[in-house]
Amino acid sequence: MPKIDNGLAPILRALLALVLCTAWLVGEPPAALRTARFAVVVPGPPIGQPAEATMDGARCADPAGTWLGMRWRSELKWRVNEKTIPAYLGDRTAVINALRSAATNVNTGRNDCGLPENLGIQESYEGKTDKIAGVTPSGGCGQRDGHNSVSFGPLNQGLLAVTCIWWYGGKENGRSVETDILIDDTEGLFFLNTPPSCSNRWDLEGTVTHEFGHAFGLGHVAFAQHSALTMTDGLPDCSTAYRGLGLGDYLTLKQQYGTN
């Protein structure tokens, strides 16, 4: 059973934060621009405990999901700042491929449950950018710049990656217009392929799959009850089990984007 312990630095590295920036209706004065910050932080299981050992088929049995209230009405076109990719991750093309796979996992609804991989979501990778994700090291949101950017950079201890979303309207039927993802660039934090004797490292593709889930409108579900789902608020180290969607992740997106 996971516990919150601010004195355990390794476990804190497993924390995921969701930060949402809200833009209100077009035509309102600049003073009406508001920012809302959501940082649900619950650590995953103890470092070194295989996530797969806690699955027991739950990924395809748990229908839980949280909807944030805003979605894309048009194609999400995003770019990566390749210059920010940490050298320790090796070949930049391989890193880009992992990020693209993460987006595709959500876009198509990739799953191991035999569900149709067609959720009606539209996204495309548009190549390089010199833009930096509008996320501060503390996990706050900067200013909207008209670009959907993924980049690496410094984040406070306890944050693997942070997603910011800008949208119009309220949280019942909001229209997303921009999203940025900042991934922690700490040396050795992520891997592309599970290293031998892995400990205290995280799967890049699985982590960013979680973040693109946020970008498309998914919120967190509690690790204590829903640890097998990709949108769990605690991500175990060394696991590649989250490269795709669990049942609840899938059903929640299908309800908003899905085709019949």
Protein backbone atom coordinates (compact mmCIF):
# COMPACT_ATOMS: atom_id res chain seq x y z
CA MET A 1 0.00 0.00 0.00
CA PRO A 2 1.54 3.32 -1.04
CA LYS A 3 2.07 6.01 1.53
CA ILE A 4 2.93 9.68 1.32
CA ASP A 5 6.29 10.34 2.91
CA ASN A 6 7.98 13.61 2.10
CA GLY A 7 11.23 12.24 3.54
CA LEU A 8 11.61 9.53 0.92
CA ALA A 9 13.30 11.23 -1.99
CA PRO A 10 13.36 8.17 -4.32
CA ILE A 11 9.64 7.57 -3.95
CA LEU A 12 8.90 11.23 -4.51
CA ARG A 13 10.42 10.88 -7.94
CA ALA A 14 7.38 8.78 -8.81
CA LEU A 15 4.97 11.62 -8.23
CA LEU A 16 3.07 12.96 -11.20
CA ALA A 17 1.52 16.41 -11.29
CA LEU A 18 -1.21 17.73 -13.53
CA VAL A 19 -1.28 21.48 -13.97
CA LEU A 20 -4.12 23.09 -15.86
CA CYS A 21 -4.24 26.67 -17.06
CA THR A 22 -7.72 27.97 -17.81
CA ALA A 23 -8.44 30.60 -20.45
CA TRP A 24 -11.98 31.96 -20.22
CA LEU A 25 -14.31 32.99 -23.05
CA VAL A 26 -13.04 34.99 -26.02
CA GLY A 27 -13.83 38.67 -25.71
CA GLU A 28 -13.48 38.93 -21.96
CA PRO A 29 -10.91 41.45 -20.70
CA PRO A 30 -7.34 40.27 -19.97
CA ALA A 31 -8.06 40.46 -16.25
CA ALA A 32 -10.46 37.55 -16.67
CA LEU A 33 -7.62 35.19 -17.51
CA ARG A 34 -7.43 32.72 -14.63
CA THR A 35 -5.01 29.96 -13.70
CA ALA A 36 -5.98 26.81 -11.84
CA ARG A 37 -3.38 24.40 -10.50
CA PHE A 38 -4.11 20.75 -9.80
CA ALA A 39 -1.29 18.70 -8.30
CA VAL A 40 -2.56 15.38 -6.98
CA VAL A 41 0.56 13.68 -5.67
CA VAL A 42 0.43 10.13 -4.36
CA PRO A 43 3.52 7.94 -4.76
CA GLY A 44 3.49 4.56 -6.39
CA PRO A 45 4.58 1.32 -4.73
CA PRO A 46 7.97 1.06 -3.04
CA ILE A 47 10.95 1.44 -5.33
CA GLY A 48 11.81 -1.85 -6.98
CA GLN A 49 8.38 -3.45 -6.53
CA PRO A 50 7.33 -4.67 -10.00
CA ALA A 51 4.11 -3.03 -11.10
CA GLU A 52 3.19 -6.14 -13.06
CA ALA A 53 2.92 -8.05 -9.80
CA THR A 54 0.02 -5.84 -8.76
CA MET A 55 -1.85 -5.97 -12.07
CA ASP A 56 -3.59 -9.37 -11.89
CA GLY A 57 -5.66 -8.54 -14.96
CA ALA A 58 -6.94 -5.30 -13.47
CA ARG A 59 -5.96 -3.22 -16.50
CA CYS A 60 -8.78 -4.81 -18.45
CA ALA A 61 -11.23 -5.08 -15.53
CA ASP A 62 -11.17 -1.63 -13.91
CA PRO A 63 -13.62 0.83 -15.58
CA ALA A 64 -12.65 3.86 -13.47
CA GLY A 65 -11.81 7.16 -15.10
CA THR A 66 -11.82 10.90 -14.43
CA TRP A 67 -12.77 13.47 -17.05
CA LEU A 68 -11.34 16.98 -16.68
CA GLY A 69 -14.06 18.63 -18.76
CA MET A 70 -12.24 19.96 -21.81
CA ARG A 71 -11.47 18.28 -25.12
CA TRP A 72 -10.00 18.97 -28.52
CA ARG A 73 -12.49 19.81 -31.28
CA SER A 74 -9.74 19.83 -33.90
CA GLU A 75 -6.48 17.99 -34.50
CA LEU A 76 -3.81 18.37 -31.82
CA LYS A 77 -0.64 19.23 -33.73
CA TRP A 78 2.46 19.11 -31.55
CA ARG A 79 6.22 19.52 -31.84
CA VAL A 80 9.31 18.53 -29.86
CA ASN A 81 12.26 20.71 -28.90
CA GLU A 82 14.96 18.19 -29.77
CA LYS A 83 17.75 20.39 -28.40
CA THR A 84 16.44 19.83 -24.88
CA ILE A 85 16.63 16.02 -25.03
CA PRO A 86 19.15 14.88 -22.38
CA ALA A 87 22.31 13.29 -23.79
CA TYR A 88 22.04 10.25 -21.50
CA LEU A 89 18.96 9.05 -23.43
CA GLY A 90 21.13 8.49 -26.50
CA ASP A 91 19.85 8.72 -30.04
CA ARG A 92 17.40 11.60 -30.40
CA THR A 93 15.44 9.79 -33.09
CA ALA A 94 14.74 6.94 -30.67
CA VAL A 95 13.54 9.46 -28.06
CA ILE A 96 11.26 11.14 -30.61
CA ASN A 97 9.87 7.75 -31.57
CA ALA A 98 9.07 7.01 -27.92
CA LEU A 99 7.26 10.35 -27.59
CA ARG A 100 5.34 9.76 -30.81
CA SER A 101 4.38 6.27 -29.64
CA ALA A 102 3.10 7.77 -26.39
CA ALA A 103 0.81 10.15 -28.29
CA THR A 104 -0.34 7.35 -30.58
CA ASN A 105 -1.12 5.15 -27.59
CA VAL A 106 -3.73 7.69 -26.52
CA ASN A 107 -4.79 8.77 -29.99
CA THR A 108 -5.70 5.27 -31.12
CA GLY A 109 -6.63 3.87 -27.74
CA ARG A 110 -3.91 1.22 -27.77
CA ASN A 111 -4.75 -1.50 -25.25
CA ASP A 112 -4.24 -5.15 -24.41
CA CYS A 113 -7.94 -5.74 -23.73
CA GLY A 114 -9.06 -6.51 -27.26
CA LEU A 115 -10.91 -3.19 -27.62
CA PRO A 116 -11.07 -1.46 -31.02
CA GLU A 117 -8.18 0.96 -31.44
CA ASN A 118 -10.23 3.82 -32.84
CA LEU A 119 -11.25 6.53 -30.42
CA GLY A 120 -11.88 9.32 -32.92
CA ILE A 121 -9.02 11.42 -31.53
CA GLN A 122 -6.90 13.42 -33.96
CA GLU A 123 -3.25 14.24 -33.31
CA SER A 124 -0.12 14.58 -35.38
CA TYR A 125 3.59 15.12 -34.77
CA GLU A 126 4.70 18.16 -36.76
CA GLY A 127 8.45 17.95 -36.22
CA LYS A 128 10.98 20.18 -34.47
CA THR A 129 10.46 23.44 -32.62
CA ASP A 130 12.61 25.91 -30.74
CA LYS A 131 9.77 26.58 -28.31
CA ILE A 132 9.99 25.52 -24.68
CA ALA A 133 6.99 24.02 -22.91
CA GLY A 134 5.21 26.70 -20.91
CA VAL A 135 5.74 24.99 -17.58
CA THR A 136 7.77 26.33 -14.65
CA PRO A 137 10.19 24.17 -12.63
CA SER A 138 7.72 24.21 -9.74
CA GLY A 139 4.98 22.81 -11.96
CA GLY A 140 3.12 26.03 -12.72
CA CYS A 141 1.99 27.26 -16.13
CA GLY A 142 3.55 30.09 -18.07
CA GLN A 143 1.96 32.13 -20.83
CA ARG A 144 0.20 30.58 -23.78
CA ASP A 145 2.32 31.04 -26.94
CA GLY A 146 0.17 29.42 -29.64
CA HIS A 147 2.31 26.27 -29.89
CA ASN A 148 1.82 22.74 -28.54
CA SER A 149 5.30 21.90 -27.33
CA VAL A 150 7.00 18.94 -25.70
CA SER A 151 10.39 19.63 -24.17
CA PHE A 152 12.74 18.50 -21.42
CA GLY A 153 13.86 20.74 -18.61
CA PRO A 154 14.31 21.12 -14.84
CA LEU A 155 11.41 20.22 -12.57
CA ASN A 156 11.29 20.24 -8.80
CA GLN A 157 12.02 16.96 -7.08
CA GLY A 158 8.94 14.77 -7.12
CA LEU A 159 7.79 15.72 -10.63
CA LEU A 160 8.45 13.36 -13.51
CA ALA A 161 6.53 15.44 -16.05
CA VAL A 162 3.92 18.19 -16.04
CA THR A 163 1.16 18.96 -18.53
CA CYS A 164 -0.46 22.37 -18.98
CA ILE A 165 -3.73 22.79 -20.86
CA TRP A 166 -5.31 26.02 -22.04
CA TRP A 167 -9.01 26.00 -22.92
CA TYR A 168 -12.08 28.16 -23.47
CA GLY A 169 -15.30 27.76 -21.57
CA GLY A 170 -15.99 26.02 -18.32
CA LYS A 171 -15.12 22.55 -17.14
CA GLU A 172 -18.29 20.88 -18.38
CA ASN A 173 -17.78 21.25 -22.10
CA GLY A 174 -14.54 23.14 -22.53
CA ARG A 175 -12.66 23.51 -25.81
CA SER A 176 -8.92 22.85 -25.59
CA VAL A 177 -6.75 25.19 -27.64
CA GLU A 178 -3.19 24.52 -26.45
CA THR A 179 -1.19 22.05 -24.41
CA ASP A 180 2.45 21.81 -23.36
CA ILE A 181 4.35 18.95 -21.72
CA LEU A 182 7.59 19.41 -19.79
CA ILE A 183 9.60 16.28 -18.93
CA ASP A 184 12.22 16.28 -16.17
CA ASP A 185 15.75 16.27 -17.61
CA THR A 186 17.46 14.81 -14.52
CA GLU A 187 20.36 12.55 -15.50
CA GLY A 188 19.38 8.88 -15.61
CA LEU A 189 15.73 9.41 -14.62
CA PHE A 190 14.15 7.77 -17.69
CA PHE A 191 14.86 4.83 -19.98
CA LEU A 192 13.76 3.80 -23.47
CA ASN A 193 14.37 0.09 -22.86
CA THR A 194 14.40 -1.46 -19.40
CA PRO A 195 18.01 -1.50 -18.21
CA PRO A 196 19.54 -4.47 -16.37
CA SER A 197 19.08 -4.36 -12.60
CA CYS A 198 16.71 -1.43 -13.01
CA SER A 199 15.97 0.68 -9.94
CA ASN A 200 14.69 4.21 -9.45
CA ARG A 201 14.22 4.84 -13.18
CA TRP A 202 11.05 5.33 -15.21
CA ASP A 203 9.80 4.33 -18.63
CA LEU A 204 9.72 7.41 -20.86
CA GLU A 205 7.00 6.12 -23.19
CA GLY A 206 4.72 5.08 -20.33
CA THR A 207 5.20 8.37 -18.50
CA VAL A 208 4.45 10.46 -21.57
CA THR A 209 1.46 8.27 -22.45
CA HIS A 210 0.09 9.34 -19.07
CA GLU A 211 0.83 12.99 -19.91
CA PHE A 212 -0.88 12.82 -23.30
CA GLY A 213 -3.83 11.33 -21.46
CA HIS A 214 -3.98 14.61 -19.53
CA ALA A 215 -3.53 16.61 -22.74
CA PHE A 216 -6.63 14.98 -24.18
CA GLY A 217 -8.68 15.53 -21.01
CA LEU A 218 -8.09 12.61 -18.66
CA GLY A 219 -7.60 13.28 -14.96
CA HIS A 220 -6.02 11.11 -12.29
CA VAL A 221 -7.46 8.05 -10.60
CA ALA A 222 -6.22 7.05 -7.16
CA PHE A 223 -3.35 4.58 -7.02
CA ALA A 224 -4.74 2.87 -3.94
CA GLN A 225 -7.79 1.64 -5.88
CA HIS A 226 -6.70 1.88 -9.53
CA SER A 227 -2.96 1.20 -9.74
CA ALA A 228 -3.30 -0.80 -12.97
CA LEU A 229 -4.66 2.11 -15.00
CA THR A 230 -2.40 4.42 -16.96
CA MET A 231 -3.92 7.50 -15.34
CA THR A 232 -3.08 6.31 -11.82
CA ASP A 233 -1.57 9.10 -9.75
CA GLY A 234 1.43 6.98 -8.74
CA LEU A 235 3.77 5.56 -11.37
CA PRO A 236 6.05 2.66 -10.36
CA ASP A 237 9.68 2.62 -11.37
CA CYS A 238 11.07 0.22 -13.96
CA SER A 239 7.66 -0.76 -15.36
CA THR A 240 6.70 -0.70 -19.04
CA ALA A 241 3.12 -1.72 -18.24
CA TYR A 242 1.70 1.73 -18.96
CA ARG A 243 2.48 1.89 -22.68
CA GLY A 244 -1.17 2.02 -23.62
CA LEU A 245 -4.55 2.43 -21.96
CA GLY A 246 -6.35 0.41 -19.34
CA LEU A 247 -10.09 -0.20 -19.53
CA GLY A 248 -11.11 2.88 -17.54
CA ASP A 249 -8.69 5.14 -19.45
CA TYR A 250 -10.09 3.85 -22.73
CA LEU A 251 -13.77 4.07 -21.79
CA THR A 252 -13.44 7.63 -20.47
CA LEU A 253 -11.85 8.84 -23.71
CA LYS A 254 -14.31 6.89 -25.85
CA GLN A 255 -17.23 8.58 -24.15
CA GLN A 256 -15.85 11.98 -25.19
CA TYR A 257 -14.18 11.30 -28.53
CA GLY A 258 -15.21 7.83 -29.55
CA THR A 259 -16.84 6.68 -32.74
CA ASN A 260 -19.47 3.97 -32.93
